[in-house]
N, C-alpha and C. Protein backbone atom coordinates (compact mmCIF):
# COMPACT_ATOMS: atom_id res chain seq x y z
N MET A 1 48.67 36.38 -33.54
CA MET A 1 47.43 35.67 -33.21
C MET A 1 46.67 35.38 -34.51
N PRO A 2 46.00 34.23 -34.54
CA PRO A 2 45.21 33.88 -35.73
C PRO A 2 44.04 34.84 -35.95
N LEU A 3 43.66 34.99 -37.21
CA LEU A 3 42.49 35.78 -37.60
C LEU A 3 41.35 34.86 -37.98
N TYR A 4 40.13 35.33 -37.73
CA TYR A 4 38.92 34.55 -38.00
C TYR A 4 37.89 35.45 -38.66
N LEU A 5 37.21 34.91 -39.66
CA LEU A 5 36.12 35.62 -40.32
C LEU A 5 34.83 34.92 -39.95
N SER A 6 33.91 35.65 -39.34
CA SER A 6 32.61 35.08 -38.98
C SER A 6 31.52 35.70 -39.83
N LYS A 7 30.56 34.86 -40.22
CA LYS A 7 29.37 35.30 -40.94
C LYS A 7 28.19 34.98 -40.04
N PHE A 8 27.26 35.94 -39.90
CA PHE A 8 26.13 35.70 -39.03
C PHE A 8 24.84 36.20 -39.66
N SER A 9 23.73 35.63 -39.19
CA SER A 9 22.40 36.07 -39.59
C SER A 9 21.53 36.14 -38.34
N TYR A 10 20.84 37.26 -38.19
CA TYR A 10 19.94 37.45 -37.06
C TYR A 10 18.61 36.73 -37.30
N THR A 11 17.94 36.40 -36.21
CA THR A 11 16.58 35.89 -36.31
C THR A 11 15.65 37.07 -36.60
N PRO A 12 14.45 36.82 -37.12
CA PRO A 12 13.49 37.92 -37.31
C PRO A 12 13.20 38.66 -36.00
N ASP A 13 13.13 37.94 -34.90
CA ASP A 13 12.86 38.58 -33.61
C ASP A 13 13.99 39.53 -33.22
N THR A 14 15.23 39.16 -33.52
CA THR A 14 16.36 40.03 -33.21
C THR A 14 16.28 41.31 -34.04
N TRP A 15 15.96 41.16 -35.33
CA TRP A 15 15.81 42.37 -36.16
C TRP A 15 14.70 43.26 -35.62
N ALA A 16 13.61 42.66 -35.17
CA ALA A 16 12.50 43.44 -34.61
C ALA A 16 12.95 44.20 -33.36
N ARG A 17 13.71 43.53 -32.49
CA ARG A 17 14.21 44.20 -31.28
C ARG A 17 15.16 45.34 -31.63
N LEU A 18 16.04 45.10 -32.61
CA LEU A 18 16.99 46.14 -33.01
C LEU A 18 16.28 47.32 -33.69
N THR A 19 15.22 47.02 -34.42
CA THR A 19 14.44 48.09 -35.05
C THR A 19 13.76 48.95 -33.99
N GLY A 20 13.22 48.32 -32.98
CA GLY A 20 12.56 49.05 -31.89
C GLY A 20 13.52 49.75 -30.97
N ASN A 21 14.74 49.23 -30.86
CA ASN A 21 15.74 49.81 -29.96
C ASN A 21 17.11 49.67 -30.63
N PRO A 22 17.45 50.55 -31.59
CA PRO A 22 18.72 50.43 -32.31
C PRO A 22 19.92 50.39 -31.36
N GLU A 23 20.83 49.48 -31.66
CA GLU A 23 22.01 49.28 -30.80
C GLU A 23 23.21 48.98 -31.68
N ASP A 24 24.34 49.60 -31.37
CA ASP A 24 25.59 49.34 -32.06
C ASP A 24 26.18 48.04 -31.48
N ARG A 25 26.05 46.95 -32.21
CA ARG A 25 26.48 45.64 -31.70
C ARG A 25 28.00 45.45 -31.76
N ARG A 26 28.72 46.39 -32.33
CA ARG A 26 30.19 46.29 -32.32
C ARG A 26 30.72 46.27 -30.90
N LYS A 27 30.10 47.03 -30.02
CA LYS A 27 30.57 47.09 -28.64
C LYS A 27 30.43 45.73 -27.96
N ALA A 28 29.33 45.06 -28.21
CA ALA A 28 29.12 43.73 -27.63
C ALA A 28 30.13 42.74 -28.21
N ALA A 29 30.31 42.77 -29.54
CA ALA A 29 31.26 41.85 -30.18
C ALA A 29 32.67 42.08 -29.65
N GLN A 30 33.03 43.33 -29.47
CA GLN A 30 34.35 43.66 -28.93
C GLN A 30 34.52 43.08 -27.53
N ALA A 31 33.51 43.21 -26.70
CA ALA A 31 33.58 42.68 -25.33
C ALA A 31 33.72 41.16 -25.34
N TYR A 32 33.00 40.49 -26.24
CA TYR A 32 33.07 39.02 -26.30
C TYR A 32 34.49 38.55 -26.58
N ILE A 33 35.11 39.12 -27.62
CA ILE A 33 36.43 38.64 -28.02
C ILE A 33 37.51 39.08 -27.04
N GLU A 34 37.35 40.27 -26.47
CA GLU A 34 38.33 40.71 -25.48
C GLU A 34 38.30 39.85 -24.22
N SER A 35 37.15 39.23 -23.93
CA SER A 35 37.06 38.39 -22.74
C SER A 35 37.93 37.14 -22.84
N VAL A 36 38.37 36.78 -24.05
CA VAL A 36 39.27 35.63 -24.22
C VAL A 36 40.66 36.08 -24.68
N GLY A 37 40.94 37.38 -24.58
CA GLY A 37 42.27 37.88 -24.94
C GLY A 37 42.42 38.22 -26.41
N GLY A 38 41.32 38.40 -27.12
CA GLY A 38 41.38 38.70 -28.55
C GLY A 38 41.04 40.14 -28.86
N LYS A 39 40.84 40.40 -30.16
CA LYS A 39 40.56 41.75 -30.62
C LYS A 39 39.59 41.70 -31.80
N LEU A 40 38.65 42.63 -31.81
CA LEU A 40 37.74 42.79 -32.94
C LEU A 40 38.39 43.74 -33.94
N HIS A 41 38.57 43.28 -35.19
CA HIS A 41 39.17 44.12 -36.23
C HIS A 41 38.13 44.77 -37.13
N GLY A 42 36.93 44.22 -37.17
CA GLY A 42 35.91 44.81 -38.01
C GLY A 42 34.56 44.18 -37.81
N PHE A 43 33.52 44.96 -38.08
CA PHE A 43 32.14 44.50 -37.94
C PHE A 43 31.35 45.18 -39.04
N TRP A 44 30.74 44.39 -39.92
CA TRP A 44 30.00 44.94 -41.05
C TRP A 44 28.65 44.26 -41.18
N TYR A 45 27.65 45.03 -41.62
CA TYR A 45 26.37 44.46 -42.03
C TYR A 45 26.38 44.36 -43.54
N ALA A 46 25.55 43.46 -44.10
CA ALA A 46 25.59 43.21 -45.53
C ALA A 46 24.22 42.78 -46.04
N PHE A 47 24.06 42.86 -47.34
CA PHE A 47 22.91 42.27 -48.02
C PHE A 47 23.36 40.91 -48.52
N GLY A 48 22.46 39.95 -48.60
CA GLY A 48 22.82 38.65 -49.16
C GLY A 48 22.52 37.51 -48.23
N ALA A 49 23.30 36.47 -48.36
CA ALA A 49 23.06 35.24 -47.61
C ALA A 49 23.23 35.42 -46.10
N HIS A 50 24.06 36.37 -45.69
CA HIS A 50 24.30 36.62 -44.27
C HIS A 50 24.03 38.09 -43.96
N ASP A 51 23.64 38.35 -42.73
CA ASP A 51 23.33 39.72 -42.32
C ASP A 51 24.58 40.52 -41.98
N GLY A 52 25.64 39.83 -41.58
CA GLY A 52 26.83 40.56 -41.20
C GLY A 52 28.07 39.70 -41.13
N TYR A 53 29.19 40.38 -40.97
CA TYR A 53 30.51 39.74 -40.95
C TYR A 53 31.36 40.39 -39.86
N ASN A 54 32.18 39.59 -39.22
CA ASN A 54 33.13 40.07 -38.22
C ASN A 54 34.52 39.57 -38.58
N LEU A 55 35.52 40.39 -38.33
CA LEU A 55 36.91 39.96 -38.44
C LEU A 55 37.50 40.04 -37.04
N TRP A 56 37.89 38.88 -36.53
CA TRP A 56 38.37 38.76 -35.16
C TRP A 56 39.82 38.29 -35.14
N GLU A 57 40.50 38.58 -34.04
CA GLU A 57 41.80 38.01 -33.74
C GLU A 57 41.64 37.34 -32.38
N ALA A 58 42.10 36.10 -32.26
CA ALA A 58 41.99 35.38 -30.99
C ALA A 58 43.30 34.64 -30.73
N PRO A 59 43.58 34.37 -29.47
CA PRO A 59 44.84 33.68 -29.15
C PRO A 59 44.97 32.30 -29.79
N ASP A 60 43.85 31.60 -29.95
CA ASP A 60 43.89 30.24 -30.48
C ASP A 60 42.48 29.80 -30.88
N ASN A 61 42.39 28.62 -31.52
CA ASN A 61 41.10 28.12 -31.97
C ASN A 61 40.13 27.86 -30.83
N VAL A 62 40.62 27.40 -29.70
CA VAL A 62 39.74 27.11 -28.56
C VAL A 62 39.10 28.40 -28.05
N SER A 63 39.87 29.47 -27.97
CA SER A 63 39.32 30.76 -27.52
C SER A 63 38.26 31.26 -28.48
N MET A 64 38.52 31.16 -29.79
CA MET A 64 37.53 31.60 -30.77
C MET A 64 36.31 30.71 -30.72
N ALA A 65 36.51 29.41 -30.54
CA ALA A 65 35.38 28.49 -30.44
C ALA A 65 34.51 28.83 -29.22
N ALA A 66 35.13 29.23 -28.12
CA ALA A 66 34.36 29.61 -26.93
C ALA A 66 33.47 30.81 -27.22
N VAL A 67 33.99 31.80 -27.93
CA VAL A 67 33.19 32.96 -28.31
C VAL A 67 32.06 32.54 -29.24
N ALA A 68 32.38 31.71 -30.23
CA ALA A 68 31.37 31.25 -31.18
C ALA A 68 30.25 30.47 -30.49
N VAL A 69 30.61 29.61 -29.56
CA VAL A 69 29.60 28.83 -28.83
C VAL A 69 28.73 29.75 -27.98
N ALA A 70 29.34 30.70 -27.30
CA ALA A 70 28.57 31.63 -26.46
C ALA A 70 27.60 32.45 -27.30
N ILE A 71 28.08 32.97 -28.43
CA ILE A 71 27.22 33.77 -29.30
C ILE A 71 26.10 32.90 -29.89
N SER A 72 26.46 31.74 -30.39
CA SER A 72 25.48 30.85 -31.01
C SER A 72 24.41 30.41 -30.02
N GLY A 73 24.80 30.22 -28.77
CA GLY A 73 23.86 29.77 -27.75
C GLY A 73 22.97 30.88 -27.20
N GLY A 74 23.22 32.11 -27.61
CA GLY A 74 22.47 33.24 -27.08
C GLY A 74 21.06 33.40 -27.62
N GLY A 75 20.77 32.75 -28.75
CA GLY A 75 19.42 32.78 -29.30
C GLY A 75 19.11 33.93 -30.23
N ALA A 76 20.03 34.88 -30.44
CA ALA A 76 19.75 36.03 -31.31
C ALA A 76 20.04 35.74 -32.78
N LEU A 77 20.75 34.65 -33.03
CA LEU A 77 21.17 34.33 -34.41
C LEU A 77 20.51 33.06 -34.90
N ASN A 78 20.29 33.00 -36.21
CA ASN A 78 19.86 31.72 -36.79
C ASN A 78 20.98 31.09 -37.59
N ALA A 79 22.12 31.80 -37.73
CA ALA A 79 23.31 31.23 -38.38
C ALA A 79 24.55 31.95 -37.87
N PHE A 80 25.61 31.18 -37.66
CA PHE A 80 26.91 31.74 -37.26
C PHE A 80 27.98 30.78 -37.76
N GLU A 81 28.81 31.23 -38.67
CA GLU A 81 29.88 30.41 -39.24
C GLU A 81 31.20 31.14 -39.07
N THR A 82 32.23 30.42 -38.70
CA THR A 82 33.55 31.02 -38.53
C THR A 82 34.57 30.28 -39.37
N THR A 83 35.40 31.05 -40.07
CA THR A 83 36.46 30.51 -40.91
C THR A 83 37.80 30.98 -40.36
N VAL A 84 38.73 30.05 -40.17
CA VAL A 84 40.09 30.41 -39.76
C VAL A 84 40.80 30.95 -41.00
N LEU A 85 41.40 32.12 -40.88
CA LEU A 85 42.13 32.72 -41.99
C LEU A 85 43.62 32.43 -41.84
N LEU A 86 44.25 32.03 -42.93
CA LEU A 86 45.68 31.75 -42.93
C LEU A 86 46.43 32.91 -43.57
N THR A 87 47.58 33.24 -43.01
CA THR A 87 48.44 34.23 -43.64
C THR A 87 49.04 33.62 -44.91
N VAL A 88 49.59 34.47 -45.75
CA VAL A 88 50.27 33.96 -46.94
C VAL A 88 51.45 33.08 -46.51
N GLU A 89 52.15 33.50 -45.45
CA GLU A 89 53.29 32.72 -44.96
C GLU A 89 52.85 31.33 -44.49
N ASP A 90 51.75 31.25 -43.76
CA ASP A 90 51.24 29.96 -43.32
C ASP A 90 50.84 29.09 -44.51
N THR A 91 50.25 29.72 -45.50
CA THR A 91 49.85 28.97 -46.70
C THR A 91 51.08 28.46 -47.44
N MET A 92 52.11 29.27 -47.53
CA MET A 92 53.35 28.83 -48.19
C MET A 92 53.95 27.63 -47.46
N GLU A 93 53.94 27.68 -46.13
CA GLU A 93 54.45 26.55 -45.34
C GLU A 93 53.60 25.30 -45.59
N ALA A 94 52.28 25.48 -45.63
CA ALA A 94 51.39 24.34 -45.90
C ALA A 94 51.65 23.75 -47.28
N LEU A 95 51.91 24.61 -48.26
CA LEU A 95 52.21 24.11 -49.61
C LEU A 95 53.48 23.28 -49.61
N ARG A 96 54.49 23.74 -48.88
CA ARG A 96 55.74 22.96 -48.81
C ARG A 96 55.52 21.62 -48.10
N LYS A 97 54.74 21.61 -47.04
CA LYS A 97 54.47 20.37 -46.32
C LYS A 97 53.58 19.43 -47.13
N ALA A 98 52.70 19.99 -47.95
CA ALA A 98 51.79 19.17 -48.75
C ALA A 98 52.55 18.24 -49.68
N ASP A 99 53.71 18.65 -50.10
CA ASP A 99 54.52 17.82 -50.99
C ASP A 99 54.96 16.52 -50.31
N ARG A 100 54.99 16.51 -48.98
CA ARG A 100 55.41 15.32 -48.22
C ARG A 100 54.23 14.40 -47.87
N VAL A 101 53.00 14.87 -48.09
CA VAL A 101 51.83 14.08 -47.79
C VAL A 101 51.64 13.05 -48.90
N ARG A 102 51.51 11.81 -48.55
CA ARG A 102 51.36 10.73 -49.53
C ARG A 102 49.88 10.43 -49.72
N TYR A 103 49.19 11.34 -50.42
CA TYR A 103 47.77 11.19 -50.68
C TYR A 103 47.53 10.14 -51.77
N ARG A 104 46.49 9.34 -51.55
CA ARG A 104 46.08 8.35 -52.54
C ARG A 104 44.61 8.61 -52.83
N ALA A 105 44.29 8.83 -54.11
CA ALA A 105 42.91 9.09 -54.49
C ALA A 105 42.05 7.85 -54.25
N PRO A 106 40.76 8.04 -53.91
CA PRO A 106 39.87 6.89 -53.71
C PRO A 106 39.85 6.00 -54.95
N GLY A 107 39.95 4.71 -54.74
CA GLY A 107 39.91 3.75 -55.84
C GLY A 107 41.19 3.61 -56.63
N ALA A 108 42.23 4.35 -56.25
CA ALA A 108 43.49 4.30 -57.00
C ALA A 108 44.39 3.21 -56.47
């Protein structure tokens, strides 16, 4: 199954609610991804541009997109970005196929 890296940032109101009532959000994230047949591999909070990161496994892009849309529509976040991660093997295959792509630079 494909892997996905998500970066998220909470709204100030969400941080206020979590401060008043601390909650381990890994359980919620796990339930979201399992509802589409996936698995949560990791959940981390961070300092910097984003408040946290998730590493997910999902059956396909549509399933991961469904989770992302549901989470984004929930109102607790002000940012949610997901990146599809490629294995080294997938990247090697893409490199071999790239040689067959007849790219033409703009203006060339």
